[in-house]
Amino acid sequence: MNVSICIPTYNRPDLLKETLDSCLTQSVLPYEIVIGDDSKNNETEEFIKNFSNSTGVLINYYHHKPSLKQAENTNFIFKHAKGDKIVLLHDDDLLVSDAIETLLNVFKNDSSIQIAYGKCYIMSDGGTINESESKLANDYFYKKKEYEGSILSPLEAGIIQQFPNNGYMIDSKIAKEVKWRTETEYANLGAGCEFDFGIRLGQQGFKMYFINKYLVKYRITAISSSTSSTDSAYKSYLILENIEVKAEYQKMKNIALQRKAPKAIMEAIKHNQPYDARRIYLSKNHLLHSNLLGLLKRTLFLTKYLILRN
């Protein structure tokens, strides 16, 4: 099985170098690396031209002018991947040295598996791994021993985000057929397009397998952790509340909505969406499942926002 690592990138060649190094030092090397560059300058293009690669792994680089944006860029590199399997990797995250080998073994051991993924380290902007935060984050997303294998249904894995934003391995044909939706197809996507992809994979029932092993290092930057820079939780909340699920999956959907509600409110406020901010604030997903301190904080923030707005 040939593996294509697909990396969308935007204006950070320094971090992209670390990402590429982690791909090219794998115990089993990929067949190719496909990079879709949305950068407005030529720094990443120059970096790739001068990048030293002695492994024989193909690096296929595409600079989009004008930029395609996140969803279309991802679909572009999926389309151009030639491998049987695709690994999607963010341009600031890293693969653990045996990640590809570990993921491939799942497919070799069970031909019915279509998507595989493992646990994710949380690391600082500077690359330091936080062991305690990593454990908490993985436990929160049902990535622990008792869920190893295909314990969660594909839809549950998508809803609760056991299926991750990146670092997973997927049959190439599935990635190309399902694709990421764009805002021209679904207006409420925003930065929720990653979550939307996982939900839609789950809805179509593609068989997923969770490996109880750390395979990816996820970098938490000042930008990625800032509410003002993203509408991911807000848009994901809207996507989730508008999907219908069977009764057996309703509990998992409720848990996910309760988890997303606090951040969704703050993001809706900061992105000037007062109706949704107030509606989510007053929902049972928020009022009945919030701790007192968090509830007071959001009450004050929303009240101040509505007063200033009027």
C-alpha atoms as a PDB file:
ATOM      1  CA  MET A   1       0.000   0.000   0.000  1.00  0.00           C
ATOM      2  CA  ASN A   2       1.327   3.408  -1.029  1.00  0.00           C
ATOM      3  CA  VAL A   3       0.741   6.356   1.304  1.00  0.00           C
ATOM      4  CA  SER A   4       0.328   9.978   0.269  1.00  0.00           C
ATOM      5  CA  ILE A   5       0.814  12.553   3.030  1.00  0.00           C
ATOM      6  CA  CYS A   6      -1.282  15.621   2.190  1.00  0.00           C
ATOM      7  CA  ILE A   7      -0.237  18.925   3.770  1.00  0.00           C
ATOM      8  CA  PRO A   8      -2.161  22.190   3.276  1.00  0.00           C
ATOM      9  CA  THR A   9       0.049  25.138   4.230  1.00  0.00           C
ATOM     10  CA  TYR A  10      -0.173  28.891   4.667  1.00  0.00           C
ATOM     11  CA  ASN A  11       2.671  31.315   5.376  1.00  0.00           C
ATOM     12  CA  ARG A  12       4.831  29.295   7.795  1.00  0.00           C
ATOM     13  CA  PRO A  13       7.764  27.598   6.044  1.00  0.00           C
ATOM     14  CA  ASP A  14       9.682  27.350   9.334  1.00  0.00           C
ATOM     15  CA  LEU A  15       7.056  25.077  10.865  1.00  0.00           C
ATOM     16  CA  LEU A  16       6.500  23.264   7.566  1.00  0.00           C
ATOM     17  CA  LYS A  17      10.159  22.186   7.671  1.00  0.00           C
ATOM     18  CA  GLU A  18       9.588  20.452  11.016  1.00  0.00           C
ATOM     19  CA  THR A  19       6.472  18.792   9.635  1.00  0.00           C
ATOM     20  CA  LEU A  20       8.332  17.537   6.550  1.00  0.00           C
ATOM     21  CA  ASP A  21      11.211  16.257   8.669  1.00  0.00           C
ATOM     22  CA  SER A  22       8.766  14.203  10.735  1.00  0.00           C
ATOM     23  CA  CYS A  23       7.343  12.704   7.518  1.00  0.00           C
ATOM     24  CA  LEU A  24      10.752  11.854   6.052  1.00  0.00           C
ATOM     25  CA  THR A  25      12.096  10.124   9.171  1.00  0.00           C
ATOM     26  CA  GLN A  26       9.287   7.570   9.407  1.00  0.00           C
ATOM     27  CA  SER A  27      10.085   3.903  10.051  1.00  0.00           C
ATOM     28  CA  VAL A  28       8.037   3.251   6.887  1.00  0.00           C
ATOM     29  CA  LEU A  29       8.365   6.098   4.418  1.00  0.00           C
ATOM     30  CA  PRO A  30       5.414   7.501   2.481  1.00  0.00           C
ATOM     31  CA  TYR A  31       5.247   7.152  -1.287  1.00  0.00           C
ATOM     32  CA  GLU A  32       4.827  10.916  -1.694  1.00  0.00           C
ATOM     33  CA  ILE A  33       4.102  14.190   0.061  1.00  0.00           C
ATOM     34  CA  VAL A  34       1.579  16.508  -1.589  1.00  0.00           C
ATOM     35  CA  ILE A  35       1.683  20.155  -0.471  1.00  0.00           C
ATOM     36  CA  GLY A  36      -0.997  22.717  -1.308  1.00  0.00           C
ATOM     37  CA  ASP A  37       0.289  26.212  -0.556  1.00  0.00           C
ATOM     38  CA  ASP A  38      -2.170  29.087  -0.041  1.00  0.00           C
ATOM     39  CA  SER A  39       0.565  31.574   0.936  1.00  0.00           C
ATOM     40  CA  LYS A  40       0.325  35.060  -0.524  1.00  0.00           C
ATOM     41  CA  ASN A  41       4.122  35.369  -0.719  1.00  0.00           C
ATOM     42  CA  ASN A  42       6.810  33.126  -2.250  1.00  0.00           C
ATOM     43  CA  GLU A  43       8.697  32.224   0.941  1.00  0.00           C
ATOM     44  CA  THR A  44       7.320  28.673   1.125  1.00  0.00           C
ATOM     45  CA  GLU A  45       7.907  28.136  -2.601  1.00  0.00           C
ATOM     46  CA  GLU A  46      11.560  29.173  -2.209  1.00  0.00           C
ATOM     47  CA  PHE A  47      11.908  26.957   0.844  1.00  0.00           C
ATOM     48  CA  ILE A  48      10.615  23.911  -1.070  1.00  0.00           C
ATOM     49  CA  LYS A  49      12.984  24.622  -3.988  1.00  0.00           C
ATOM     50  CA  ASN A  50      15.941  24.524  -1.603  1.00  0.00           C
ATOM     51  CA  PHE A  51      14.684  21.772   0.702  1.00  0.00           C
ATOM     52  CA  SER A  52      17.158  18.918   1.082  1.00  0.00           C
ATOM     53  CA  ASN A  53      15.515  15.527   0.584  1.00  0.00           C
ATOM     54  CA  SER A  54      17.729  12.447   0.267  1.00  0.00           C
ATOM     55  CA  THR A  55      15.021   9.856   0.952  1.00  0.00           C
ATOM     56  CA  GLY A  56      13.644   9.402  -2.557  1.00  0.00           C
ATOM     57  CA  VAL A  57      10.153  10.336  -1.385  1.00  0.00           C
ATOM     58  CA  LEU A  58       8.390  12.456  -3.995  1.00  0.00           C
ATOM     59  CA  ILE A  59       7.431  15.963  -2.898  1.00  0.00           C
ATOM     60  CA  ASN A  60       4.744  17.427  -5.132  1.00  0.00           C
ATOM     61  CA  TYR A  61       4.244  21.107  -4.407  1.00  0.00           C
ATOM     62  CA  TYR A  62       1.453  23.378  -5.673  1.00  0.00           C
ATOM     63  CA  HIS A  63       1.296  27.124  -5.036  1.00  0.00           C
ATOM     64  CA  HIS A  64      -2.235  28.468  -5.440  1.00  0.00           C
ATOM     65  CA  LYS A  65      -2.583  31.993  -6.827  1.00  0.00           C
ATOM     66  CA  PRO A  66      -5.110  33.153  -5.779  1.00  0.00           C
ATOM     67  CA  SER A  67      -5.387  31.049  -2.630  1.00  0.00           C
ATOM     68  CA  LEU A  68      -8.061  28.360  -2.534  1.00  0.00           C
ATOM     69  CA  LYS A  69      -8.855  28.577   1.197  1.00  0.00           C
ATOM     70  CA  GLN A  70      -8.863  25.663   3.618  1.00  0.00           C
ATOM     71  CA  ALA A  71     -11.556  23.355   2.253  1.00  0.00           C
ATOM     72  CA  GLU A  72     -10.773  23.747  -1.444  1.00  0.00           C
ATOM     73  CA  ASN A  73      -7.027  23.484  -0.789  1.00  0.00           C
ATOM     74  CA  THR A  74      -7.570  20.219   1.084  1.00  0.00           C
ATOM     75  CA  ASN A  75      -9.764  18.849  -1.703  1.00  0.00           C
ATOM     76  CA  PHE A  76      -7.110  19.860  -4.244  1.00  0.00           C
ATOM     77  CA  ILE A  77      -4.348  17.883  -2.556  1.00  0.00           C
ATOM     78  CA  PHE A  78      -6.679  14.929  -2.001  1.00  0.00           C
ATOM     79  CA  LYS A  79      -7.429  14.969  -5.728  1.00  0.00           C
ATOM     80  CA  HIS A  80      -3.738  15.023  -6.680  1.00  0.00           C
ATOM     81  CA  ALA A  81      -2.667  12.286  -4.240  1.00  0.00           C
ATOM     82  CA  LYS A  82      -1.632   9.088  -6.018  1.00  0.00           C
ATOM     83  CA  GLY A  83      -1.383   6.750  -3.013  1.00  0.00           C
ATOM     84  CA  ASP A  84      -3.833   4.057  -1.948  1.00  0.00           C
ATOM     85  CA  LYS A  85      -4.025   5.716   1.463  1.00  0.00           C
ATOM     86  CA  ILE A  86      -3.982   9.370   2.447  1.00  0.00           C
ATOM     87  CA  VAL A  87      -2.699  10.913   5.669  1.00  0.00           C
ATOM     88  CA  LEU A  88      -3.832  14.510   6.188  1.00  0.00           C
ATOM     89  CA  LEU A  89      -1.364  16.532   8.247  1.00  0.00           C
ATOM     90  CA  HIS A  90      -1.453  20.186   9.294  1.00  0.00           C
ATOM     91  CA  ASP A  91       1.627  22.226   8.426  1.00  0.00           C
ATOM     92  CA  ASP A  92       2.496  22.845  12.090  1.00  0.00           C
ATOM     93  CA  ASP A  93       1.923  19.321  13.441  1.00  0.00           C
ATOM     94  CA  LEU A  94       4.296  16.348  13.532  1.00  0.00           C
ATOM     95  CA  LEU A  95       4.052  12.593  13.040  1.00  0.00           C
ATOM     96  CA  VAL A  96       5.576  10.285  15.644  1.00  0.00           C
ATOM     97  CA  SER A  97       8.377   8.255  14.025  1.00  0.00           C
ATOM     98  CA  ASP A  98       6.360   5.044  13.547  1.00  0.00           C
ATOM     99  CA  ALA A  99       2.991   6.653  12.789  1.00  0.00           C
ATOM    100  CA  ILE A 100       2.696   5.490   9.170  1.00  0.00           C
ATOM    101  CA  GLU A 101       3.841   1.969  10.003  1.00  0.00           C
ATOM    102  CA  THR A 102       1.361   1.719  12.887  1.00  0.00           C
ATOM    103  CA  LEU A 103      -1.542   3.024  10.821  1.00  0.00           C
ATOM    104  CA  LEU A 104      -0.735   0.772   7.854  1.00  0.00           C
ATOM    105  CA  ASN A 105      -0.672  -2.299  10.096  1.00  0.00           C
ATOM    106  CA  VAL A 106      -4.342  -1.730  10.980  1.00  0.00           C
ATOM    107  CA  PHE A 107      -5.312  -1.923   7.312  1.00  0.00           C
ATOM    108  CA  LYS A 108      -3.067  -4.947   6.731  1.00  0.00           C
ATOM    109  CA  ASN A 109      -4.575  -6.801   9.685  1.00  0.00           C
ATOM    110  CA  ASP A 110      -8.209  -6.043   8.795  1.00  0.00           C
ATOM    111  CA  SER A 111      -9.174  -5.289   5.195  1.00  0.00           C
ATOM    112  CA  SER A 112     -12.598  -3.994   6.293  1.00  0.00           C
ATOM    113  CA  ILE A 113     -11.060  -0.932   7.997  1.00  0.00           C
ATOM    114  CA  GLN A 114     -11.355   2.260   5.940  1.00  0.00           C
ATOM    115  CA  ILE A 115     -10.098   4.926   8.365  1.00  0.00           C
ATOM    116  CA  ALA A 116      -7.557   4.658  11.200  1.00  0.00           C
ATOM    117  CA  TYR A 117      -6.205   7.132  13.752  1.00  0.00           C
ATOM    118  CA  GLY A 118      -4.449   7.215  17.111  1.00  0.00           C
ATOM    119  CA  LYS A 119      -3.853   9.474  20.086  1.00  0.00           C
ATOM    120  CA  CYS A 120      -2.431  12.963  19.853  1.00  0.00           C
ATOM    121  CA  TYR A 121       0.227  14.669  21.956  1.00  0.00           C
ATOM    122  CA  ILE A 122      -0.386  18.308  22.896  1.00  0.00           C
ATOM    123  CA  MET A 123       2.761  20.351  22.357  1.00  0.00           C
ATOM    124  CA  SER A 124       3.620  24.002  22.848  1.00  0.00           C
ATOM    125  CA  ASP A 125       4.438  26.472  20.101  1.00  0.00           C
ATOM    126  CA  GLY A 126       8.099  25.674  20.785  1.00  0.00           C
ATOM    127  CA  GLY A 127       7.594  21.925  20.472  1.00  0.00           C
ATOM    128  CA  THR A 128       7.503  20.855  24.144  1.00  0.00           C
ATOM    129  CA  ILE A 129       5.066  18.017  24.843  1.00  0.00           C
ATOM    130  CA  ASN A 130       2.705  18.440  27.787  1.00  0.00           C
ATOM    131  CA  GLU A 131       2.069  14.897  29.074  1.00  0.00           C
ATOM    132  CA  SER A 132      -0.738  15.750  31.493  1.00  0.00           C
ATOM    133  CA  GLU A 133      -2.621  17.926  28.991  1.00  0.00           C
ATOM    134  CA  SER A 134      -2.175  15.238  26.359  1.00  0.00           C
ATOM    135  CA  LYS A 135      -3.793  12.614  28.597  1.00  0.00           C
ATOM    136  CA  LEU A 136      -6.677  14.910  29.521  1.00  0.00           C
ATOM    137  CA  ALA A 137      -7.329  15.837  25.891  1.00  0.00           C
ATOM    138  CA  ASN A 138      -7.283  12.251  24.666  1.00  0.00           C
ATOM    139  CA  ASP A 139      -9.505  11.031  27.495  1.00  0.00           C
ATOM    140  CA  TYR A 140     -11.935  13.889  26.734  1.00  0.00           C
ATOM    141  CA  PHE A 141     -12.279  12.709  23.129  1.00  0.00           C
ATOM    142  CA  TYR A 142     -12.737   9.034  24.074  1.00  0.00           C
ATOM    143  CA  LYS A 143      -9.201   8.139  23.052  1.00  0.00           C
ATOM    144  CA  LYS A 144      -8.299   5.662  25.739  1.00  0.00           C
ATOM    145  CA  LYS A 145      -7.825   1.926  26.135  1.00  0.00           C
ATOM    146  CA  GLU A 146     -11.468   0.934  26.570  1.00  0.00           C
ATOM    147  CA  TYR A 147     -12.327   2.510  23.205  1.00  0.00           C
ATOM    148  CA  GLU A 148      -9.529   0.906  21.204  1.00  0.00           C
ATOM    149  CA  GLY A 149     -10.708  -0.636  17.955  1.00  0.00           C
ATOM    150  CA  SER A 150     -14.133   0.110  16.469  1.00  0.00           C
ATOM    151  CA  ILE A 151     -16.001   0.440  19.777  1.00  0.00           C
ATOM    152  CA  LEU A 152     -17.667   3.727  18.845  1.00  0.00           C
ATOM    153  CA  SER A 153     -19.815   3.699  15.740  1.00  0.00           C
ATOM    154  CA  PRO A 154     -18.462   5.855  12.869  1.00  0.00           C
ATOM    155  CA  LEU A 155     -21.121   8.498  13.550  1.00  0.00           C
ATOM    156  CA  GLU A 156     -20.335   8.594  17.288  1.00  0.00           C
ATOM    157  CA  ALA A 157     -16.613   8.912  16.473  1.00  0.00           C
ATOM    158  CA  GLY A 158     -17.402  11.899  14.245  1.00  0.00           C
ATOM    159  CA  ILE A 159     -19.837  13.561  16.666  1.00  0.00           C
ATOM    160  CA  ILE A 160     -17.590  13.358  19.732  1.00  0.00           C
ATOM    161  CA  GLN A 161     -14.452  14.036  17.636  1.00  0.00           C
ATOM    162  CA  GLN A 162     -12.632  10.841  18.406  1.00  0.00           C
ATOM    163  CA  PHE A 163     -12.002  11.064  14.671  1.00  0.00           C
ATOM    164  CA  PRO A 164      -9.383  13.846  14.664  1.00  0.00           C
ATOM    165  CA  ASN A 165      -8.894  16.944  12.526  1.00  0.00           C
ATOM    166  CA  ASN A 166      -5.673  15.539  11.073  1.00  0.00           C
ATOM    167  CA  GLY A 167      -3.137  12.747  11.473  1.00  0.00           C
ATOM    168  CA  TYR A 168      -5.589  10.074  10.363  1.00  0.00           C
ATOM    169  CA  MET A 169      -5.125   7.563   7.522  1.00  0.00           C
ATOM    170  CA  ILE A 170      -8.018   7.093   5.120  1.00  0.00           C
ATOM    171  CA  ASP A 171      -8.664   5.154   1.935  1.00  0.00           C
ATOM    172  CA  SER A 172      -7.771   7.547  -0.860  1.00  0.00           C
ATOM    173  CA  LYS A 173     -10.949   6.791  -2.791  1.00  0.00           C
ATOM    174  CA  ILE A 174     -13.119   7.775   0.191  1.00  0.00           C
ATOM    175  CA  ALA A 175     -11.293  11.067   0.797  1.00  0.00           C
ATOM    176  CA  LYS A 176     -11.671  12.013  -2.866  1.00  0.00           C
ATOM    177  CA  GLU A 177     -15.340  11.066  -3.085  1.00  0.00           C
ATOM    178  CA  VAL A 178     -16.588  12.525   0.209  1.00  0.00           C
ATOM    179  CA  LYS A 179     -14.368  15.629   0.078  1.00  0.00           C
ATOM    180  CA  TRP A 180     -14.628  18.650   2.340  1.00  0.00           C
ATOM    181  CA  ARG A 181     -17.685  20.805   1.807  1.00  0.00           C
ATOM    182  CA  THR A 182     -17.082  24.436   0.935  1.00  0.00           C
ATOM    183  CA  GLU A 183     -19.099  27.496   1.951  1.00  0.00           C
ATOM    184  CA  THR A 184     -20.652  27.609  -1.519  1.00  0.00           C
ATOM    185  CA  GLU A 185     -22.175  24.203  -0.708  1.00  0.00           C
ATOM    186  CA  TYR A 186     -23.045  24.917   2.943  1.00  0.00           C
ATOM    187  CA  ALA A 187     -23.082  28.511   4.157  1.00  0.00           C
ATOM    188  CA  ASN A 188     -22.571  27.766   7.866  1.00  0.00           C
ATOM    189  CA  LEU A 189     -19.231  25.981   7.523  1.00  0.00           C
ATOM    190  CA  GLY A 190     -16.611  28.566   8.442  1.00  0.00           C
ATOM    191  CA  ALA A 191     -13.810  26.888  10.372  1.00  0.00           C
ATOM    192  CA  GLY A 192     -16.154  23.991  11.113  1.00  0.00           C
ATOM    193  CA  CYS A 193     -15.219  22.318   7.811  1.00  0.00           C
ATOM    194  CA  GLU A 194     -12.914  19.810   9.541  1.00  0.00           C
ATOM    195  CA  PHE A 195     -15.639  18.775  11.974  1.00  0.00           C
ATOM    196  CA  ASP A 196     -18.141  18.616   9.125  1.00  0.00           C
ATOM    197  CA  PHE A 197     -15.919  16.163   7.219  1.00  0.00           C
ATOM    198  CA  GLY A 198     -15.768  13.808  10.215  1.00  0.00           C
ATOM    199  CA  ILE A 199     -19.540  13.991  10.699  1.00  0.00           C
ATOM    200  CA  ARG A 200     -20.212  13.175   7.064  1.00  0.00           C
ATOM    201  CA  LEU A 201     -17.779  10.241   7.098  1.00  0.00           C
ATOM    202  CA  GLY A 202     -19.655   8.964  10.149  1.00  0.00           C
ATOM    203  CA  GLN A 203     -23.052   9.441   8.566  1.00  0.00           C
ATOM    204  CA  GLN A 204     -21.948   7.307   5.615  1.00  0.00           C
ATOM    205  CA  GLY A 205     -20.771   4.565   7.964  1.00  0.00           C
ATOM    206  CA  PHE A 206     -17.154   4.161   6.858  1.00  0.00           C
ATOM    207  CA  LYS A 207     -15.486   1.768   9.285  1.00  0.00           C
ATOM    208  CA  MET A 208     -13.103   3.542  11.668  1.00  0.00           C
ATOM    209  CA  TYR A 209     -10.459   2.125  13.994  1.00  0.00           C
ATOM    210  CA  PHE A 210      -8.918   3.893  16.978  1.00  0.00           C
ATOM    211  CA  ILE A 211      -5.367   2.872  17.959  1.00  0.00           C
ATOM    212  CA  ASN A 212      -4.552   3.448  21.634  1.00  0.00           C
ATOM    213  CA  LYS A 213      -1.121   4.870  20.863  1.00  0.00           C
ATOM    214  CA  TYR A 214       0.313   8.358  20.369  1.00  0.00           C
ATOM    215  CA  LEU A 215       0.872   8.955  16.659  1.00  0.00           C
ATOM    216  CA  VAL A 216       0.672  12.745  16.181  1.00  0.00           C
ATOM    217  CA  LYS A 217       2.002  15.839  17.935  1.00  0.00           C
ATOM    218  CA  TYR A 218      -0.540  18.655  17.788  1.00  0.00           C
ATOM    219  CA  ARG A 219       0.919  22.135  18.175  1.00  0.00           C
ATOM    220  CA  ILE A 220      -1.041  24.672  20.222  1.00  0.00           C
ATOM    221  CA  THR A 221      -0.114  28.136  18.970  1.00  0.00           C
ATOM    222  CA  ALA A 222      -1.316  31.529  20.175  1.00  0.00           C
ATOM    223  CA  ILE A 223      -3.431  31.775  17.018  1.00  0.00           C
ATOM    224  CA  SER A 224      -4.968  28.302  17.231  1.00  0.00           C
ATOM    225  CA  SER A 225      -5.964  28.782  20.872  1.00  0.00           C
ATOM    226  CA  SER A 226      -7.482  32.230  20.364  1.00  0.00           C
ATOM    227  CA  THR A 227     -11.286  32.476  20.258  1.00  0.00           C
ATOM    228  CA  SER A 228     -11.088  35.702  18.250  1.00  0.00           C
ATOM    229  CA  SER A 229      -9.233  34.000  15.408  1.00  0.00           C
ATOM    230  CA  THR A 230     -11.679  31.157  14.797  1.00  0.00           C
ATOM    231  CA  ASP A 231     -15.357  30.319  14.647  1.00  0.00           C
ATOM    232  CA  SER A 232     -14.730  26.578  14.805  1.00  0.00           C
ATOM    233  CA  ALA A 233     -16.771  25.777  17.932  1.00  0.00           C
ATOM    234  CA  TYR A 234     -19.608  28.109  16.903  1.00  0.00           C
ATOM    235  CA  LYS A 235     -19.896  26.700  13.378  1.00  0.00           C
ATOM    236  CA  SER A 236     -19.468  23.117  14.608  1.00  0.00           C
ATOM    237  CA  TYR A 237     -22.312  23.690  17.073  1.00  0.00           C
ATOM    238  CA  LEU A 238     -24.582  24.869  14.231  1.00  0.00           C
ATOM    239  CA  ILE A 239     -23.619  21.889  12.074  1.00  0.00           C
ATOM    240  CA  LEU A 240     -24.239  19.429  14.889  1.00  0.00           C
ATOM    241  CA  GLU A 241     -27.571  20.789  16.072  1.00  0.00           C
ATOM    242  CA  ASN A 242     -28.927  20.585  12.525  1.00  0.00           C
ATOM    243  CA  ILE A 243     -28.196  16.913  11.891  1.00  0.00           C
ATOM    244  CA  GLU A 244     -30.798  14.286  12.721  1.00  0.00           C
ATOM    245  CA  VAL A 245     -29.593  11.130  14.466  1.00  0.00           C
ATOM    246  CA  LYS A 246     -31.230   7.894  15.543  1.00  0.00           C
ATOM    247  CA  ALA A 247     -32.281   7.634  19.194  1.00  0.00           C
ATOM    248  CA  GLU A 248     -29.257   5.462  19.993  1.00  0.00           C
ATOM    249  CA  TYR A 249     -26.907   8.328  19.042  1.00  0.00           C
ATOM    250  CA  GLN A 250     -28.831  11.183  20.670  1.00  0.00           C
ATOM    251  CA  LYS A 251     -26.960  10.921  23.968  1.00  0.00           C
ATOM    252  CA  MET A 252     -23.604  11.360  22.212  1.00  0.00           C
ATOM    253  CA  LYS A 253     -24.976  14.302  20.223  1.00  0.00           C
ATOM    254  CA  ASN A 254     -26.213  15.948  23.447  1.00  0.00           C
ATOM    255  CA  ILE A 255     -22.810  15.487  25.103  1.00  0.00           C
ATOM    256  CA  ALA A 256     -21.075  17.092  22.124  1.00  0.00           C
ATOM    257  CA  LEU A 257     -23.486  20.049  22.059  1.00  0.00           C
ATOM    258  CA  GLN A 258     -23.043  20.603  25.801  1.00  0.00           C
ATOM    259  CA  ARG A 259     -19.278  20.601  25.375  1.00  0.00           C
ATOM    260  CA  LYS A 260     -19.344  23.042  22.468  1.00  0.00           C
ATOM    261  CA  ALA A 261     -21.935  25.474  23.840  1.00  0.00           C
ATOM    262  CA  PRO A 262     -19.686  27.636  26.100  1.00  0.00           C
ATOM    263  CA  LYS A 263     -17.046  28.304  23.453  1.00  0.00           C
ATOM    264  CA  ALA A 264     -19.695  28.601  20.727  1.00  0.00           C
ATOM    265  CA  ILE A 265     -21.324  31.457  22.651  1.00  0.00           C
ATOM    266  CA  MET A 266     -18.058  33.360  23.012  1.00  0.00           C
ATOM    267  CA  GLU A 267     -17.154  32.850  19.356  1.00  0.00           C
ATOM    268  CA  ALA A 268     -20.629  33.915  18.204  1.00  0.00           C
ATOM    269  CA  ILE A 269     -20.259  37.135  20.225  1.00  0.00           C
ATOM    270  CA  LYS A 270     -16.795  37.873  18.871  1.00  0.00           C
ATOM    271  CA  HIS A 271     -17.988  37.229  15.315  1.00  0.00           C
ATOM    272  CA  ASN A 272     -20.970  39.554  15.796  1.00  0.00           C
ATOM    273  CA  GLN A 273     -23.727  36.947  15.787  1.00  0.00           C
ATOM    274  CA  PRO A 274     -25.955  38.148  18.687  1.00  0.00           C
ATOM    275  CA  TYR A 275     -28.998  36.047  17.821  1.00  0.00           C
ATOM    276  CA  ASP A 276     -27.094  32.764  17.919  1.00  0.00           C
ATOM    277  CA  ALA A 277     -25.061  33.823  20.959  1.00  0.00           C
ATOM    278  CA  ARG A 278     -28.242  34.489  22.958  1.00  0.00           C
ATOM    279  CA  ARG A 279     -30.045  31.423  21.599  1.00  0.00           C
ATOM    280  CA  ILE A 280     -27.201  29.048  22.510  1.00  0.00           C
ATOM    281  CA  TYR A 281     -26.781  30.786  25.888  1.00  0.00           C
ATOM    282  CA  LEU A 282     -30.457  30.143  26.738  1.00  0.00           C
ATOM    283  CA  SER A 283     -30.431  26.559  25.477  1.00  0.00           C
ATOM    284  CA  LYS A 284     -30.539  23.574  27.832  1.00  0.00           C
ATOM    285  CA  ASN A 285     -27.193  22.514  26.363  1.00  0.00           C
ATOM    286  CA  HIS A 286     -25.682  25.534  28.095  1.00  0.00           C
ATOM    287  CA  LEU A 287     -27.789  26.527  31.107  1.00  0.00           C
ATOM    288  CA  LEU A 288     -28.257  23.021  32.508  1.00  0.00           C
ATOM    289  CA  HIS A 289     -24.675  21.881  32.001  1.00  0.00           C
ATOM    290  CA  SER A 290     -22.415  24.805  32.927  1.00  0.00           C
ATOM    291  CA  ASN A 291     -20.432  25.373  36.095  1.00  0.00           C
ATOM    292  CA  LEU A 292     -21.327  28.526  38.026  1.00  0.00           C
ATOM    293  CA  LEU A 293     -18.092  30.425  37.337  1.00  0.00           C
ATOM    294  CA  GLY A 294     -18.243  29.809  33.601  1.00  0.00           C
ATOM    295  CA  LEU A 295     -21.922  30.695  33.498  1.00  0.00           C
ATOM    296  CA  LEU A 296     -21.298  34.008  35.293  1.00  0.00           C
ATOM    297  CA  LYS A 297     -18.423  34.853  32.961  1.00  0.00           C
ATOM    298  CA  ARG A 298     -20.503  34.277  29.836  1.00  0.00           C
ATOM    299  CA  THR A 299     -23.487  36.112  31.360  1.00  0.00           C
ATOM    300  CA  LEU A 300     -21.377  39.208  31.958  1.00  0.00           C
ATOM    301  CA  PHE A 301     -19.714  38.994  28.562  1.00  0.00           C
ATOM    302  CA  LEU A 302     -23.024  38.588  26.697  1.00  0.00           C
ATOM    303  CA  THR A 303     -24.748  41.323  28.732  1.00  0.00           C
ATOM    304  CA  LYS A 304     -21.906  43.787  28.080  1.00  0.00           C
ATOM    305  CA  TYR A 305     -21.932  42.928  24.382  1.00  0.00           C
ATOM    306  CA  LEU A 306     -25.715  43.423  24.020  1.00  0.00           C
ATOM    307  CA  ILE A 307     -25.613  46.731  25.928  1.00  0.00           C
ATOM    308  CA  LEU A 308     -22.772  48.097  23.791  1.00  0.00           C
ATOM    309  CA  ARG A 309     -24.471  46.883  20.640  1.00  0.00           C
ATOM    310  CA  ASN A 310     -27.684  48.707  21.483  1.00  0.00           C
END
